[in-house]
Amino acid sequence: MTAFDIPDRAVLEARQKLVLDHFRDEVAQDWDATLSTFPHPHYEVIATMTVHDGDGAVRGYYHDTRTAFPDQHHELIALRHSADAVVAEFWLLGTHLGPFGKIPATGSRFRVRMSAYFIFDADENLVCERIYFDTLSMLKQLVGGVDKKNPKNWPLLAKLVRGLLAMSGERPDPRLVNTAEPDLGQG
C-alpha cells in the first residue's frame, strides 16, 4: 500500500464508525469506552503544543478539560477520509466553569471550529488523535464574556492576564517541534 492508495469501502466505514463512537463516548464522558478506541491512547493538541500519551496522561487530559468545560460537546461539520486517517471538522462548544490550565473560570460560553486527524496504522489501529484549533478564537470568547467595565470583575481580569502570561512561557512538547520533512520521492 502506498500513500496514494485509499482503503476499500469496508475499511473506511469501520474507521468512520470508530471515530463517531469515539466522539459519542467523549461527550458522554465514558472514558473507558473512549480509550478502548485506541490500543495505546495518544493525543496531540497542536494549539497548545502538548502531547498526552498513554492511559494515565489521556485520562488526566480528559479530567482537566472537563473540569474547565463540564458541558463540552461537539457539533460535527464533516468527515473526510484519506489513506491513513479520518479527518473530522467540528464545532467544540462548552461553558468555562473551572480552571483551563492557569486561566481561571470566566463562566463564558465558547464555540470554536476545530479539525482532528484520527490516524490509523497499517493494521487499522487508531494510533493518534491530532487536534488543531485557533486558541485566539477560544480565548476571545472566554475573556470576551467578562464585563470589563464592572470593577468587581477586575481581579478576575488580572488573574486571566497572569494565567495567559504563565501559559505563554510553557515549552512545547519536543515531539511536536522536532519534526522531519517527509521523503516524497521527488528529489
Protein backbone atom coordinates (compact mmCIF):
# COMPACT_ATOMS: atom_id res chain seq x y z
CA MET A 1 0.00 0.00 0.00
CA THR A 2 1.28 3.48 -0.89
CA ALA A 3 0.37 6.97 0.29
CA PHE A 4 -1.93 7.22 -2.75
CA ASP A 5 -3.94 4.05 -2.06
CA ILE A 6 -7.28 4.71 -0.39
CA PRO A 7 -8.54 1.67 1.54
CA ASP A 8 -11.68 -0.11 0.40
CA ARG A 9 -15.16 0.94 1.49
CA ALA A 10 -15.39 -1.59 4.36
CA VAL A 11 -12.19 -0.21 5.95
CA LEU A 12 -13.39 3.39 5.57
CA GLU A 13 -16.76 2.52 7.08
CA ALA A 14 -15.08 0.77 10.04
CA ARG A 15 -12.80 3.77 10.63
CA GLN A 16 -15.74 6.16 10.43
CA LYS A 17 -17.77 4.11 12.93
CA LEU A 18 -14.82 4.06 15.34
CA VAL A 19 -14.40 7.87 15.07
CA LEU A 20 -18.12 8.51 15.57
CA ASP A 21 -18.17 6.14 18.57
CA HIS A 22 -15.12 7.97 19.95
CA PHE A 23 -16.91 11.34 19.63
CA ARG A 24 -20.10 9.98 21.22
CA ASP A 25 -18.23 8.43 24.14
CA GLU A 26 -16.25 11.64 24.76
CA VAL A 27 -19.44 13.70 25.00
CA ALA A 28 -20.95 11.08 27.33
CA GLN A 29 -17.70 11.24 29.34
CA ASP A 30 -17.45 7.45 29.14
CA TRP A 31 -13.66 7.42 29.32
CA ASP A 32 -13.27 3.64 29.34
CA ALA A 33 -15.23 3.36 26.09
CA THR A 34 -13.38 6.33 24.56
CA LEU A 35 -9.99 4.87 25.46
CA SER A 36 -10.99 1.48 24.08
CA THR A 37 -10.87 3.00 20.58
CA PHE A 38 -7.05 3.08 20.89
CA PRO A 39 -4.63 0.20 21.59
CA HIS A 40 -2.46 2.95 23.16
CA PRO A 41 -4.18 6.33 23.78
CA HIS A 42 -2.31 9.26 22.24
CA TYR A 43 -3.48 12.84 21.73
CA GLU A 44 -1.53 15.68 20.17
CA VAL A 45 -3.06 19.12 20.76
CA ILE A 46 -1.29 21.39 18.29
CA ALA A 47 -2.84 24.64 19.55
CA THR A 48 -1.25 24.14 22.97
CA MET A 49 1.74 22.14 21.65
CA THR A 50 1.04 19.36 24.16
CA VAL A 51 1.10 15.57 23.89
CA HIS A 52 -0.95 13.28 26.12
CA ASP A 53 0.49 9.78 25.74
CA GLY A 54 -0.81 6.69 27.48
CA ASP A 55 -3.88 5.86 29.55
CA GLY A 56 -2.98 7.97 32.59
CA ALA A 57 -1.95 11.06 30.62
CA VAL A 58 -5.07 10.94 28.44
CA ARG A 59 -7.33 10.46 31.47
CA GLY A 60 -5.61 13.49 33.00
CA TYR A 61 -6.33 15.46 29.82
CA TYR A 62 -9.99 14.41 29.97
CA HIS A 63 -10.17 15.37 33.66
CA ASP A 64 -8.60 18.79 33.10
CA THR A 65 -10.70 19.71 30.07
CA ARG A 66 -13.96 18.55 31.67
CA THR A 67 -13.11 20.40 34.89
CA ALA A 68 -12.73 23.55 32.79
CA PHE A 69 -15.68 22.79 30.49
CA PRO A 70 -18.02 20.22 32.12
CA ASP A 71 -20.62 20.55 29.34
CA GLN A 72 -18.10 20.27 26.48
CA HIS A 73 -19.59 18.72 23.35
CA HIS A 74 -19.23 18.65 19.56
CA GLU A 75 -21.26 19.59 16.52
CA LEU A 76 -19.93 17.62 13.57
CA ILE A 77 -19.41 19.58 10.33
CA ALA A 78 -17.81 16.95 8.07
CA LEU A 79 -15.78 13.74 7.97
CA ARG A 80 -13.22 13.09 5.27
CA HIS A 81 -11.16 10.00 4.53
CA SER A 82 -7.53 9.70 3.49
CA ALA A 83 -5.13 6.82 3.02
CA ASP A 84 -4.30 6.63 6.73
CA ALA A 85 -6.76 8.92 8.54
CA VAL A 86 -10.24 10.19 9.11
CA VAL A 87 -10.31 13.97 9.26
CA ALA A 88 -13.14 15.41 11.33
CA GLU A 89 -14.23 19.04 11.16
CA PHE A 90 -16.45 20.08 14.05
CA TRP A 91 -17.50 22.83 16.41
CA LEU A 92 -16.38 22.38 20.01
CA LEU A 93 -18.71 24.04 22.49
CA GLY A 94 -18.80 24.47 26.22
CA THR A 95 -19.01 26.74 29.23
CA HIS A 96 -15.88 27.82 31.12
CA LEU A 97 -16.78 26.77 34.68
CA GLY A 98 -13.37 25.66 36.01
CA PRO A 99 -9.70 26.49 35.52
CA PHE A 100 -8.36 25.98 32.00
CA GLY A 101 -4.66 25.47 32.64
CA LYS A 102 -3.69 28.60 34.52
CA ILE A 103 -6.71 30.56 33.27
CA PRO A 104 -9.44 30.91 35.92
CA ALA A 105 -13.08 30.20 35.07
CA THR A 106 -14.98 33.06 33.42
CA GLY A 107 -18.43 31.49 33.11
CA SER A 108 -18.33 32.33 29.39
CA ARG A 109 -19.54 30.03 26.64
CA PHE A 110 -17.39 29.23 23.62
CA ARG A 111 -17.90 27.75 20.14
CA VAL A 112 -14.67 27.08 18.24
CA ARG A 113 -14.21 25.42 14.86
CA MET A 114 -11.70 22.58 15.01
CA SER A 115 -10.27 19.74 13.00
CA ALA A 116 -8.91 16.46 14.25
CA TYR A 117 -6.91 13.86 12.39
CA PHE A 118 -7.68 10.32 13.58
CA ILE A 119 -4.60 8.49 12.32
CA PHE A 120 -4.54 4.73 11.71
CA ASP A 121 -1.57 2.39 11.37
CA ALA A 122 -1.13 -0.38 8.77
CA ASP A 123 -3.13 -2.77 11.00
CA GLU A 124 -6.07 -0.31 11.18
CA ASN A 125 -5.42 0.63 14.80
CA LEU A 126 -6.15 4.19 15.85
CA VAL A 127 -2.73 5.46 16.91
CA CYS A 128 -3.25 9.21 17.33
CA GLU A 129 -5.86 11.93 17.56
CA ARG A 130 -4.16 15.13 16.41
CA ILE A 131 -6.26 18.23 17.12
CA TYR A 132 -5.97 21.66 15.51
CA PHE A 133 -7.80 24.82 16.53
CA ASP A 134 -7.29 28.54 16.87
CA THR A 135 -6.61 29.36 20.53
CA LEU A 136 -7.17 33.08 20.00
CA SER A 137 -10.77 32.44 18.88
CA MET A 138 -11.38 30.45 22.04
CA LEU A 139 -9.64 32.93 24.36
CA LYS A 140 -11.51 35.88 22.85
CA GLN A 141 -14.79 34.16 23.67
CA LEU A 142 -13.74 33.14 27.19
CA VAL A 143 -12.45 36.61 28.10
CA GLY A 144 -14.99 38.48 25.95
CA GLY A 145 -17.86 37.29 28.12
CA VAL A 146 -16.45 39.12 31.16
CA ASP A 147 -17.82 42.65 31.74
CA LYS A 148 -14.59 44.64 31.77
CA LYS A 149 -16.31 47.86 32.92
CA ASN A 150 -17.53 46.30 36.16
CA PRO A 151 -14.90 46.86 38.91
CA LYS A 152 -15.99 43.58 40.57
CA ASN A 153 -14.51 41.74 37.57
CA TRP A 154 -11.12 43.48 37.61
CA PRO A 155 -9.48 40.93 39.95
CA LEU A 156 -10.66 38.14 37.61
CA LEU A 157 -9.27 40.02 34.61
CA ALA A 158 -5.91 40.40 36.39
CA LYS A 159 -5.87 36.63 37.09
CA LEU A 160 -6.71 35.97 33.44
CA VAL A 161 -3.76 38.07 32.26
CA ARG A 162 -1.41 36.35 34.76
CA GLY A 163 -2.68 32.94 33.65
CA LEU A 164 -2.22 33.74 29.96
CA LEU A 165 1.29 35.06 30.58
CA ALA A 166 2.22 31.97 32.61
CA MET A 167 0.92 29.64 29.89
CA SER A 168 2.73 31.56 27.14
CA GLY A 169 6.06 30.66 28.77
CA GLU A 170 5.43 26.90 28.72
CA ARG A 171 7.75 24.91 26.46
CA PRO A 172 6.18 22.99 23.56
CA ASP A 173 6.43 19.23 23.56
CA PRO A 174 9.57 18.41 21.52
CA ARG A 175 7.70 15.60 19.69
CA LEU A 176 5.63 18.32 18.02
CA VAL A 177 8.55 20.63 17.27
CA ASN A 178 11.36 18.29 16.22
CA THR A 179 9.82 17.03 13.00
CA ALA A 180 11.45 15.85 9.79
CA GLU A 181 10.31 16.70 6.32
CA PRO A 182 8.93 13.58 4.60
CA ASP A 183 10.67 11.98 1.66
CA LEU A 184 8.09 12.25 -1.09
CA GLY A 185 10.36 10.63 -3.66
CA GLN A 186 10.61 13.80 -5.75
CA GLY A 187 14.28 14.59 -5.13
